Amino acid sequence: MHVMPNRSRKKRQPDPNVTAFSIIQAISGETPREQTAPRSDEKDPLAVELGRRGGLKGGKARAESMTKAQRVASAKKAAAARWAKRKS
């Protein structure tokens, strides 16, 4: 079984334009400008809470809006996907 790499863990490459600009500044003898602080990789707790709230009520709200036949079809499709994943 081939597993795709998780690309979200990849470190972000520096912007080539910023790199080129700093090289030009070094060559010309200009003093480099003060750079802004790098982004923090920590998540905003308020955004996390909002996402969690939506996730907790999403499935129930979706199920309430579906007919019984739609719920049955969705459950069958989910079960088939789980079994297909288990076989491979």
C-alpha atoms as a PDB file:
ATOM      1  CA  MET A   1       0.000   0.000   0.000  1.00  0.00           C
ATOM      2  CA  HIS A   2       1.397   3.392  -1.005  1.00  0.00           C
ATOM      3  CA  VAL A   3       0.912   6.216   1.466  1.00  0.00           C
ATOM      4  CA  MET A   4       1.059   9.814   0.305  1.00  0.00           C
ATOM      5  CA  PRO A   5       3.370  12.037   2.343  1.00  0.00           C
ATOM      6  CA  ASN A   6       1.747  14.643   4.527  1.00  0.00           C
ATOM      7  CA  ARG A   7       2.840  17.815   2.774  1.00  0.00           C
ATOM      8  CA  SER A   8       1.507  20.113   5.499  1.00  0.00           C
ATOM      9  CA  ARG A   9       4.526  19.290   7.658  1.00  0.00           C
ATOM     10  CA  LYS A  10       6.895  20.587   5.020  1.00  0.00           C
ATOM     11  CA  LYS A  11       8.893  23.624   6.056  1.00  0.00           C
ATOM     12  CA  ARG A  12       8.040  26.677   4.021  1.00  0.00           C
ATOM     13  CA  GLN A  13      10.798  27.732   1.617  1.00  0.00           C
ATOM     14  CA  PRO A  14      11.882  31.378   1.849  1.00  0.00           C
ATOM     15  CA  ASP A  15      10.398  33.691  -0.732  1.00  0.00           C
ATOM     16  CA  PRO A  16      12.858  33.960  -3.654  1.00  0.00           C
ATOM     17  CA  ASN A  17      12.036  37.656  -4.054  1.00  0.00           C
ATOM     18  CA  VAL A  18      13.001  38.383  -0.455  1.00  0.00           C
ATOM     19  CA  THR A  19      16.201  36.390  -0.887  1.00  0.00           C
ATOM     20  CA  ALA A  20      17.066  38.252  -4.103  1.00  0.00           C
ATOM     21  CA  PHE A  21      16.369  41.605  -2.447  1.00  0.00           C
ATOM     22  CA  SER A  22      18.670  40.827   0.481  1.00  0.00           C
ATOM     23  CA  ILE A  23      21.433  39.739  -1.927  1.00  0.00           C
ATOM     24  CA  ILE A  24      21.114  42.995  -3.881  1.00  0.00           C
ATOM     25  CA  GLN A  25      21.245  44.974  -0.624  1.00  0.00           C
ATOM     26  CA  ALA A  26      24.385  43.102   0.458  1.00  0.00           C
ATOM     27  CA  ILE A  27      26.082  43.715  -2.905  1.00  0.00           C
ATOM     28  CA  SER A  28      25.185  47.410  -3.015  1.00  0.00           C
ATOM     29  CA  GLY A  29      26.179  48.005   0.598  1.00  0.00           C
ATOM     30  CA  GLU A  30      22.737  49.166   1.701  1.00  0.00           C
ATOM     31  CA  THR A  31      21.729  48.439   5.246  1.00  0.00           C
ATOM     32  CA  PRO A  32      19.031  45.786   5.404  1.00  0.00           C
ATOM     33  CA  ARG A  33      15.632  46.865   6.619  1.00  0.00           C
ATOM     34  CA  GLU A  34      14.236  45.512   9.853  1.00  0.00           C
ATOM     35  CA  GLN A  35      12.364  42.318   9.059  1.00  0.00           C
ATOM     36  CA  THR A  36       9.042  41.509  10.628  1.00  0.00           C
ATOM     37  CA  ALA A  37       8.845  38.645  13.097  1.00  0.00           C
ATOM     38  CA  PRO A  38       8.043  35.270  11.529  1.00  0.00           C
ATOM     39  CA  ARG A  39       4.537  33.936  11.819  1.00  0.00           C
ATOM     40  CA  SER A  40       3.787  31.882  14.860  1.00  0.00           C
ATOM     41  CA  ASP A  41       2.727  28.312  14.106  1.00  0.00           C
ATOM     42  CA  GLU A  42       0.465  28.269  17.141  1.00  0.00           C
ATOM     43  CA  LYS A  43      -3.250  28.140  16.441  1.00  0.00           C
ATOM     44  CA  ASP A  44      -5.595  30.849  17.603  1.00  0.00           C
ATOM     45  CA  PRO A  45      -7.621  29.316  20.477  1.00  0.00           C
ATOM     46  CA  LEU A  46     -10.757  31.247  19.489  1.00  0.00           C
ATOM     47  CA  ALA A  47     -10.585  29.939  15.925  1.00  0.00           C
ATOM     48  CA  VAL A  48     -10.032  26.401  17.201  1.00  0.00           C
ATOM     49  CA  GLU A  49     -13.094  26.681  19.450  1.00  0.00           C
ATOM     50  CA  LEU A  50     -15.284  27.980  16.617  1.00  0.00           C
ATOM     51  CA  GLY A  51     -14.176  25.136  14.342  1.00  0.00           C
ATOM     52  CA  ARG A  52     -14.879  22.595  17.060  1.00  0.00           C
ATOM     53  CA  ARG A  53     -18.363  23.963  17.662  1.00  0.00           C
ATOM     54  CA  GLY A  54     -19.197  23.676  13.980  1.00  0.00           C
ATOM     55  CA  GLY A  55     -17.774  20.171  13.801  1.00  0.00           C
ATOM     56  CA  LEU A  56     -19.726  18.966  16.804  1.00  0.00           C
ATOM     57  CA  LYS A  57     -23.108  20.068  15.488  1.00  0.00           C
ATOM     58  CA  GLY A  58     -22.468  19.515  11.763  1.00  0.00           C
ATOM     59  CA  GLY A  59     -23.224  15.793  11.531  1.00  0.00           C
ATOM     60  CA  LYS A  60     -26.373  15.990  13.606  1.00  0.00           C
ATOM     61  CA  ALA A  61     -27.695  18.976  11.641  1.00  0.00           C
ATOM     62  CA  ARG A  62     -26.954  17.186   8.357  1.00  0.00           C
ATOM     63  CA  ALA A  63     -28.710  14.008   9.513  1.00  0.00           C
ATOM     64  CA  GLU A  64     -31.780  15.975  10.612  1.00  0.00           C
ATOM     65  CA  SER A  65     -32.069  17.603   7.193  1.00  0.00           C
ATOM     66  CA  MET A  66     -31.876  14.264   5.304  1.00  0.00           C
ATOM     67  CA  THR A  67     -34.718  11.860   4.610  1.00  0.00           C
ATOM     68  CA  LYS A  68     -34.546   8.307   5.961  1.00  0.00           C
ATOM     69  CA  ALA A  69     -33.671   6.971   2.481  1.00  0.00           C
ATOM     70  CA  GLN A  70     -30.835   9.507   2.179  1.00  0.00           C
ATOM     71  CA  ARG A  71     -29.470   8.544   5.606  1.00  0.00           C
ATOM     72  CA  VAL A  72     -29.550   4.844   4.676  1.00  0.00           C
ATOM     73  CA  ALA A  73     -27.751   5.531   1.375  1.00  0.00           C
ATOM     74  CA  SER A  74     -25.127   7.640   3.157  1.00  0.00           C
ATOM     75  CA  ALA A  75     -24.545   4.941   5.783  1.00  0.00           C
ATOM     76  CA  LYS A  76     -24.146   2.253   3.097  1.00  0.00           C
ATOM     77  CA  LYS A  77     -21.675   4.410   1.206  1.00  0.00           C
ATOM     78  CA  ALA A  78     -19.657   5.057   4.387  1.00  0.00           C
ATOM     79  CA  ALA A  79     -19.602   1.350   5.280  1.00  0.00           C
ATOM     80  CA  ALA A  80     -18.461   0.434   1.759  1.00  0.00           C
ATOM     81  CA  ALA A  81     -15.661   3.011   1.988  1.00  0.00           C
ATOM     82  CA  ARG A  82     -14.518   1.610   5.347  1.00  0.00           C
ATOM     83  CA  TRP A  83     -14.472  -1.950   4.006  1.00  0.00           C
ATOM     84  CA  ALA A  84     -12.635  -0.900   0.851  1.00  0.00           C
ATOM     85  CA  LYS A  85      -9.995   0.833   2.995  1.00  0.00           C
ATOM     86  CA  ARG A  86      -9.622  -2.283   5.151  1.00  0.00           C
ATOM     87  CA  LYS A  87      -9.118  -4.599   2.126  1.00  0.00           C
ATOM     88  CA  SER A  88      -6.302  -2.575   0.547  1.00  0.00           C
END
